[in-house]
Amino acid sequence: MDIAVEKKEIIEWINSLKNPFVIEQIKRIKNKDSDSVDFEKEWKKGVSINEAREKTADFIKSLPWKK
């Protein structure tokens, strides 16, 4: 499909929106700056594989299993 046609369809769809939540989500996408992600900072927030395994095992044990 031609990019101009796609843009026109998107603009028409945006003009038809009435849900403020959807409009806010579109604004966030528009304002999102992918270069501003600090991968080192995000990496520090991560969970180790062992910690993830422990949390998963604890969660599975907490479920109401029928025997």
N, C-alpha and C. Protein backbone atom coordinates (compact mmCIF):
# COMPACT_ATOMS: atom_id res chain seq x y z
N MET A 1 0.84 -1.17 0.00
CA MET A 1 0.00 0.00 0.00
C MET A 1 0.89 1.24 0.00
N ASP A 2 0.47 2.25 -0.67
CA ASP A 2 1.21 3.50 -0.76
C ASP A 2 1.24 4.20 0.60
N ILE A 3 2.38 4.77 0.96
CA ILE A 3 2.53 5.41 2.27
C ILE A 3 1.55 6.57 2.44
N ALA A 4 1.28 7.30 1.39
CA ALA A 4 0.34 8.42 1.47
C ALA A 4 -1.07 7.93 1.81
N VAL A 5 -1.46 6.80 1.23
CA VAL A 5 -2.77 6.22 1.52
C VAL A 5 -2.82 5.74 2.96
N GLU A 6 -1.75 5.11 3.42
CA GLU A 6 -1.71 4.64 4.81
C GLU A 6 -1.80 5.81 5.78
N LYS A 7 -1.07 6.89 5.51
CA LYS A 7 -1.13 8.07 6.37
C LYS A 7 -2.54 8.64 6.41
N LYS A 8 -3.18 8.70 5.26
CA LYS A 8 -4.54 9.24 5.19
C LYS A 8 -5.48 8.39 6.03
N GLU A 9 -5.36 7.07 5.94
CA GLU A 9 -6.22 6.18 6.71
C GLU A 9 -5.98 6.35 8.20
N ILE A 10 -4.72 6.50 8.60
CA ILE A 10 -4.40 6.70 10.02
C ILE A 10 -4.97 8.02 10.51
N ILE A 11 -4.83 9.07 9.73
CA ILE A 11 -5.36 10.38 10.11
C ILE A 11 -6.88 10.32 10.24
N GLU A 12 -7.54 9.67 9.32
CA GLU A 12 -9.00 9.52 9.40
C GLU A 12 -9.39 8.75 10.66
N TRP A 13 -8.65 7.70 10.97
CA TRP A 13 -8.94 6.91 12.15
C TRP A 13 -8.74 7.73 13.42
N ILE A 14 -7.64 8.49 13.48
CA ILE A 14 -7.37 9.33 14.65
C ILE A 14 -8.47 10.38 14.81
N ASN A 15 -8.90 10.96 13.72
CA ASN A 15 -9.98 11.95 13.78
C ASN A 15 -11.30 11.36 14.28
N SER A 16 -11.49 10.07 14.12
CA SER A 16 -12.73 9.43 14.55
C SER A 16 -12.69 8.97 16.01
N LEU A 17 -11.52 9.04 16.65
CA LEU A 17 -11.39 8.56 18.02
C LEU A 17 -12.16 9.42 19.01
N LYS A 18 -12.75 8.75 20.00
CA LYS A 18 -13.48 9.47 21.03
C LYS A 18 -12.97 9.09 22.42
N ASN A 19 -12.23 8.01 22.52
CA ASN A 19 -11.73 7.53 23.81
C ASN A 19 -10.47 8.30 24.20
N PRO A 20 -10.51 9.05 25.32
CA PRO A 20 -9.34 9.84 25.73
C PRO A 20 -8.12 8.98 26.06
N PHE A 21 -8.35 7.75 26.54
CA PHE A 21 -7.23 6.86 26.85
C PHE A 21 -6.45 6.51 25.60
N VAL A 22 -7.14 6.21 24.52
CA VAL A 22 -6.47 5.87 23.26
C VAL A 22 -5.70 7.07 22.73
N ILE A 23 -6.30 8.24 22.83
CA ILE A 23 -5.63 9.46 22.37
C ILE A 23 -4.36 9.70 23.19
N GLU A 24 -4.42 9.47 24.49
CA GLU A 24 -3.24 9.63 25.34
C GLU A 24 -2.15 8.64 24.95
N GLN A 25 -2.54 7.42 24.63
CA GLN A 25 -1.56 6.42 24.20
C GLN A 25 -0.88 6.84 22.90
N ILE A 26 -1.63 7.40 21.99
CA ILE A 26 -1.07 7.88 20.73
C ILE A 26 -0.09 9.02 20.99
N LYS A 27 -0.44 9.91 21.91
CA LYS A 27 0.46 11.01 22.27
C LYS A 27 1.77 10.47 22.83
N ARG A 28 1.68 9.45 23.66
CA ARG A 28 2.89 8.84 24.24
C ARG A 28 3.78 8.25 23.16
N ILE A 29 3.18 7.61 22.19
CA ILE A 29 3.96 7.04 21.08
C ILE A 29 4.63 8.17 20.30
N LYS A 30 3.89 9.23 20.06
CA LYS A 30 4.42 10.36 19.31
C LYS A 30 5.60 11.00 20.03
N ASN A 31 5.50 11.12 21.35
CA ASN A 31 6.52 11.81 22.12
C ASN A 31 7.66 10.89 22.56
N LYS A 32 7.52 9.61 22.29
CA LYS A 32 8.53 8.65 22.72
C LYS A 32 9.83 8.88 21.97
N ASP A 33 10.91 8.97 22.72
CA ASP A 33 12.23 9.16 22.13
C ASP A 33 13.02 7.89 22.39
N SER A 34 13.19 7.07 21.38
CA SER A 34 13.86 5.78 21.57
C SER A 34 15.34 5.93 21.92
N ASP A 35 15.94 7.09 21.60
CA ASP A 35 17.34 7.30 21.92
C ASP A 35 17.55 7.62 23.40
N SER A 36 16.48 7.91 24.14
CA SER A 36 16.62 8.29 25.52
C SER A 36 16.66 7.10 26.48
N VAL A 37 16.58 5.89 25.98
CA VAL A 37 16.62 4.70 26.83
C VAL A 37 18.04 4.47 27.30
N ASP A 38 18.20 4.39 28.63
CA ASP A 38 19.51 4.11 29.22
C ASP A 38 19.57 2.61 29.50
N PHE A 39 20.19 1.88 28.59
CA PHE A 39 20.20 0.43 28.71
C PHE A 39 20.97 -0.05 29.93
N GLU A 40 22.00 0.65 30.33
CA GLU A 40 22.75 0.26 31.53
C GLU A 40 21.86 0.35 32.76
N LYS A 41 21.08 1.41 32.85
CA LYS A 41 20.17 1.60 33.98
C LYS A 41 19.09 0.51 33.98
N GLU A 42 18.54 0.23 32.80
CA GLU A 42 17.52 -0.80 32.67
C GLU A 42 18.09 -2.18 33.00
N TRP A 43 19.32 -2.43 32.61
CA TRP A 43 19.96 -3.72 32.87
C TRP A 43 20.06 -3.97 34.37
N LYS A 44 20.35 -2.91 35.14
CA LYS A 44 20.47 -3.03 36.60
C LYS A 44 19.14 -3.37 37.25
N LYS A 45 18.03 -3.00 36.62
CA LYS A 45 16.71 -3.31 37.15
C LYS A 45 16.33 -4.77 36.90
N GLY A 46 17.06 -5.43 36.06
CA GLY A 46 16.73 -6.80 35.66
C GLY A 46 16.82 -7.79 36.80
N VAL A 47 16.27 -8.95 36.57
CA VAL A 47 16.26 -10.03 37.55
C VAL A 47 17.15 -11.15 37.04
N SER A 48 17.96 -11.70 37.92
CA SER A 48 18.82 -12.81 37.51
C SER A 48 17.97 -14.04 37.22
N ILE A 49 18.52 -14.97 36.48
CA ILE A 49 17.76 -16.18 36.13
C ILE A 49 17.43 -16.99 37.37
N ASN A 50 18.35 -17.03 38.33
CA ASN A 50 18.09 -17.79 39.56
C ASN A 50 16.96 -17.16 40.37
N GLU A 51 16.96 -15.84 40.44
CA GLU A 51 15.89 -15.15 41.17
C GLU A 51 14.55 -15.36 40.46
N ALA A 52 14.56 -15.33 39.14
CA ALA A 52 13.34 -15.56 38.38
C ALA A 52 12.82 -16.98 38.60
N ARG A 53 13.73 -17.94 38.65
CA ARG A 53 13.32 -19.33 38.92
C ARG A 53 12.70 -19.46 40.30
N GLU A 54 13.33 -18.82 41.30
CA GLU A 54 12.79 -18.88 42.67
C GLU A 54 11.40 -18.26 42.74
N LYS A 55 11.23 -17.09 42.13
CA LYS A 55 9.94 -16.41 42.16
C LYS A 55 8.88 -17.24 41.43
N THR A 56 9.27 -17.86 40.32
CA THR A 56 8.33 -18.69 39.57
C THR A 56 7.93 -19.91 40.39
N ALA A 57 8.91 -20.55 41.02
CA ALA A 57 8.60 -21.72 41.85
C ALA A 57 7.69 -21.34 43.00
N ASP A 58 7.97 -20.22 43.66
CA ASP A 58 7.12 -19.76 44.77
C ASP A 58 5.70 -19.48 44.29
N PHE A 59 5.59 -18.85 43.11
CA PHE A 59 4.27 -18.55 42.57
C PHE A 59 3.50 -19.83 42.26
N ILE A 60 4.16 -20.79 41.64
CA ILE A 60 3.50 -22.05 41.29
C ILE A 60 3.05 -22.78 42.55
N LYS A 61 3.89 -22.77 43.59
CA LYS A 61 3.52 -23.42 44.85
C LYS A 61 2.34 -22.73 45.52
N SER A 62 2.18 -21.43 45.28
CA SER A 62 1.09 -20.69 45.93
C SER A 62 -0.27 -20.92 45.26
N LEU A 63 -0.27 -21.51 44.08
CA LEU A 63 -1.54 -21.75 43.37
C LEU A 63 -2.34 -22.85 44.05
N PRO A 64 -3.68 -22.75 44.02
CA PRO A 64 -4.53 -23.75 44.67
C PRO A 64 -4.67 -25.02 43.82
N TRP A 65 -3.66 -25.84 43.85
CA TRP A 65 -3.67 -27.07 43.06
C TRP A 65 -4.57 -28.11 43.72
N LYS A 66 -5.35 -28.81 42.93
CA LYS A 66 -6.15 -29.92 43.43
C LYS A 66 -5.36 -31.19 43.21
N LYS A 67 -5.31 -32.01 44.22
CA LYS A 67 -4.56 -33.27 44.12
C LYS A 67 -5.50 -34.43 43.98
